[in-house]
């Protein structure tokens, strides 16, 4: 049977790759829409970027993505039923959450 921590790491890497691919597709489609509007002579549509939480400035989206990844890893580890690894991940998650709340 494969090592649960290795399996969790592989699944977390896959989730990160999927998230990166989704982001790249979004950026590509957004650029294509702007290019198409420019070539057709359509007026430029101004928009306000959507905030993904995290308060004031930028960086909220990356924090949200990181927290999502941490949650995915935690769930995978929990399902793996390895008590030692599960305890380590829970400690890491609690410390991370405490740091986020204090900032």
C-alpha atoms as a PDB file:
ATOM      1  CA  UNK A   1       0.000   0.000   0.000  1.00  0.00           C
ATOM      2  CA  UNK A   2       1.412   3.432  -0.921  1.00  0.00           C
ATOM      3  CA  UNK A   3       2.449   5.833   1.823  1.00  0.00           C
ATOM      4  CA  UNK A   4      -0.555   8.072   2.729  1.00  0.00           C
ATOM      5  CA  UNK A   5       1.613  11.183   2.984  1.00  0.00           C
ATOM      6  CA  UNK A   6       2.966  10.552  -0.515  1.00  0.00           C
ATOM      7  CA  UNK A   7      -0.579  10.079  -1.836  1.00  0.00           C
ATOM      8  CA  UNK A   8      -1.704  13.302  -0.162  1.00  0.00           C
ATOM      9  CA  UNK A   9       1.249  15.167  -1.642  1.00  0.00           C
ATOM     10  CA  UNK A  10       0.481  13.830  -5.125  1.00  0.00           C
ATOM     11  CA  UNK A  11      -3.185  14.814  -4.836  1.00  0.00           C
ATOM     12  CA  UNK A  12      -2.261  18.270  -3.578  1.00  0.00           C
ATOM     13  CA  UNK A  13       0.095  18.738  -6.519  1.00  0.00           C
ATOM     14  CA  UNK A  14      -2.652  17.680  -8.922  1.00  0.00           C
ATOM     15  CA  UNK A  15      -5.080  20.138  -7.332  1.00  0.00           C
ATOM     16  CA  UNK A  16      -2.511  22.933  -7.599  1.00  0.00           C
ATOM     17  CA  UNK A  17      -1.878  22.106 -11.260  1.00  0.00           C
ATOM     18  CA  UNK A  18      -5.611  22.105 -12.000  1.00  0.00           C
ATOM     19  CA  UNK A  19      -6.030  25.474 -10.280  1.00  0.00           C
ATOM     20  CA  UNK A  20      -3.130  26.913 -12.262  1.00  0.00           C
ATOM     21  CA  UNK A  21      -4.607  25.586 -15.520  1.00  0.00           C
ATOM     22  CA  UNK A  22      -8.000  27.122 -14.716  1.00  0.00           C
ATOM     23  CA  UNK A  23      -6.339  30.454 -13.993  1.00  0.00           C
ATOM     24  CA  UNK A  24      -4.308  30.341 -17.207  1.00  0.00           C
ATOM     25  CA  UNK A  25      -7.444  29.559 -19.227  1.00  0.00           C
ATOM     26  CA  UNK A  26      -9.270  32.458 -17.583  1.00  0.00           C
ATOM     27  CA  UNK A  27      -6.438  34.867 -18.394  1.00  0.00           C
ATOM     28  CA  UNK A  28      -6.246  33.590 -21.992  1.00  0.00           C
ATOM     29  CA  UNK A  29      -9.992  33.986 -22.550  1.00  0.00           C
ATOM     30  CA  UNK A  30      -9.934  37.449 -20.989  1.00  0.00           C
ATOM     31  CA  UNK A  31      -7.114  38.552 -23.304  1.00  0.00           C
ATOM     32  CA  UNK A  32      -8.859  37.069 -26.343  1.00  0.00           C
ATOM     33  CA  UNK A  33     -12.030  39.014 -25.506  1.00  0.00           C
ATOM     34  CA  UNK A  34     -10.055  42.258 -25.242  1.00  0.00           C
ATOM     35  CA  UNK A  35      -8.255  41.551 -28.519  1.00  0.00           C
ATOM     36  CA  UNK A  36     -11.533  40.751 -30.279  1.00  0.00           C
ATOM     37  CA  UNK A  37     -13.124  43.950 -28.996  1.00  0.00           C
ATOM     38  CA  UNK A  38     -10.111  45.950 -30.174  1.00  0.00           C
ATOM     39  CA  UNK A  39     -10.216  44.422 -33.688  1.00  0.00           C
ATOM     40  CA  UNK A  40     -13.958  44.910 -34.132  1.00  0.00           C
ATOM     41  CA  UNK A  41     -13.822  48.530 -33.016  1.00  0.00           C
ATOM     42  CA  UNK A  42     -16.140  47.889 -30.092  1.00  0.00           C
ATOM     43  CA  UNK A  43     -15.868  50.381 -27.258  1.00  0.00           C
ATOM     44  CA  UNK A  44     -13.592  49.304 -24.446  1.00  0.00           C
ATOM     45  CA  UNK A  45     -15.548  47.960 -21.517  1.00  0.00           C
ATOM     46  CA  UNK A  46     -14.118  49.017 -18.214  1.00  0.00           C
ATOM     47  CA  UNK A  47     -14.615  46.758 -15.260  1.00  0.00           C
ATOM     48  CA  UNK A  48     -13.564  46.478 -11.691  1.00  0.00           C
ATOM     49  CA  UNK A  49     -11.668  43.311 -10.794  1.00  0.00           C
ATOM     50  CA  UNK A  50     -13.561  40.997  -8.514  1.00  0.00           C
ATOM     51  CA  UNK A  51     -12.190  40.857  -5.012  1.00  0.00           C
ATOM     52  CA  UNK A  52     -11.748  37.398  -3.576  1.00  0.00           C
ATOM     53  CA  UNK A  53     -11.719  38.510   0.029  1.00  0.00           C
ATOM     54  CA  UNK A  54      -8.661  39.218   2.062  1.00  0.00           C
ATOM     55  CA  UNK A  55      -9.516  42.873   2.554  1.00  0.00           C
ATOM     56  CA  UNK A  56      -7.901  45.945   1.010  1.00  0.00           C
ATOM     57  CA  UNK A  57      -5.363  45.279  -1.692  1.00  0.00           C
ATOM     58  CA  UNK A  58      -4.154  42.484  -3.881  1.00  0.00           C
ATOM     59  CA  UNK A  59      -2.959  39.128  -2.719  1.00  0.00           C
ATOM     60  CA  UNK A  60      -6.345  38.010  -1.416  1.00  0.00           C
ATOM     61  CA  UNK A  61      -6.797  35.614  -4.313  1.00  0.00           C
ATOM     62  CA  UNK A  62      -3.469  33.911  -3.743  1.00  0.00           C
ATOM     63  CA  UNK A  63      -4.217  33.549  -0.027  1.00  0.00           C
ATOM     64  CA  UNK A  64      -7.599  32.052  -0.827  1.00  0.00           C
ATOM     65  CA  UNK A  65      -5.969  29.620  -3.243  1.00  0.00           C
ATOM     66  CA  UNK A  66      -3.387  28.632  -0.656  1.00  0.00           C
ATOM     67  CA  UNK A  67      -6.039  28.085   2.006  1.00  0.00           C
ATOM     68  CA  UNK A  68      -8.071  25.998  -0.436  1.00  0.00           C
ATOM     69  CA  UNK A  69      -5.021  23.858  -1.094  1.00  0.00           C
ATOM     70  CA  UNK A  70      -4.412  23.438   2.645  1.00  0.00           C
ATOM     71  CA  UNK A  71      -8.031  22.354   3.154  1.00  0.00           C
ATOM     72  CA  UNK A  72      -7.785  19.842   0.304  1.00  0.00           C
ATOM     73  CA  UNK A  73      -4.606  18.366   1.747  1.00  0.00           C
ATOM     74  CA  UNK A  74      -6.153  18.220   5.217  1.00  0.00           C
ATOM     75  CA  UNK A  75      -9.209  16.350   3.927  1.00  0.00           C
ATOM     76  CA  UNK A  76      -7.069  13.895   1.980  1.00  0.00           C
ATOM     77  CA  UNK A  77      -4.904  13.236   5.015  1.00  0.00           C
ATOM     78  CA  UNK A  78      -7.961  12.817   7.230  1.00  0.00           C
ATOM     79  CA  UNK A  79      -9.396  10.255   4.843  1.00  0.00           C
ATOM     80  CA  UNK A  80      -6.040   8.454   4.782  1.00  0.00           C
ATOM     81  CA  UNK A  81      -6.634   7.552   8.455  1.00  0.00           C
ATOM     82  CA  UNK A  82      -3.031   8.037   9.515  1.00  0.00           C
ATOM     83  CA  UNK A  83      -3.300   9.411  13.062  1.00  0.00           C
ATOM     84  CA  UNK A  84       0.240  10.823  13.227  1.00  0.00           C
ATOM     85  CA  UNK A  85       0.057  12.557   9.874  1.00  0.00           C
ATOM     86  CA  UNK A  86      -3.453  13.777  10.611  1.00  0.00           C
ATOM     87  CA  UNK A  87      -2.246  15.295  13.910  1.00  0.00           C
ATOM     88  CA  UNK A  88       0.647  17.058  12.148  1.00  0.00           C
ATOM     89  CA  UNK A  89      -1.650  18.516   9.502  1.00  0.00           C
ATOM     90  CA  UNK A  90      -4.190  19.644  12.088  1.00  0.00           C
ATOM     91  CA  UNK A  91      -1.425  21.374  14.078  1.00  0.00           C
ATOM     92  CA  UNK A  92      -0.164  23.055  10.912  1.00  0.00           C
ATOM     93  CA  UNK A  93      -3.688  24.178   9.974  1.00  0.00           C
ATOM     94  CA  UNK A  94      -4.361  25.567  13.462  1.00  0.00           C
ATOM     95  CA  UNK A  95      -1.058  27.483  13.460  1.00  0.00           C
ATOM     96  CA  UNK A  96      -1.737  28.820   9.976  1.00  0.00           C
ATOM     97  CA  UNK A  97      -5.249  29.882  10.955  1.00  0.00           C
ATOM     98  CA  UNK A  98      -3.919  31.627  14.074  1.00  0.00           C
ATOM     99  CA  UNK A  99      -1.347  33.505  11.964  1.00  0.00           C
ATOM    100  CA  UNK A 100      -4.009  34.582   9.486  1.00  0.00           C
ATOM    101  CA  UNK A 101      -6.316  35.814  12.224  1.00  0.00           C
ATOM    102  CA  UNK A 102      -3.526  37.751  13.932  1.00  0.00           C
ATOM    103  CA  UNK A 103      -2.493  39.570  10.735  1.00  0.00           C
END
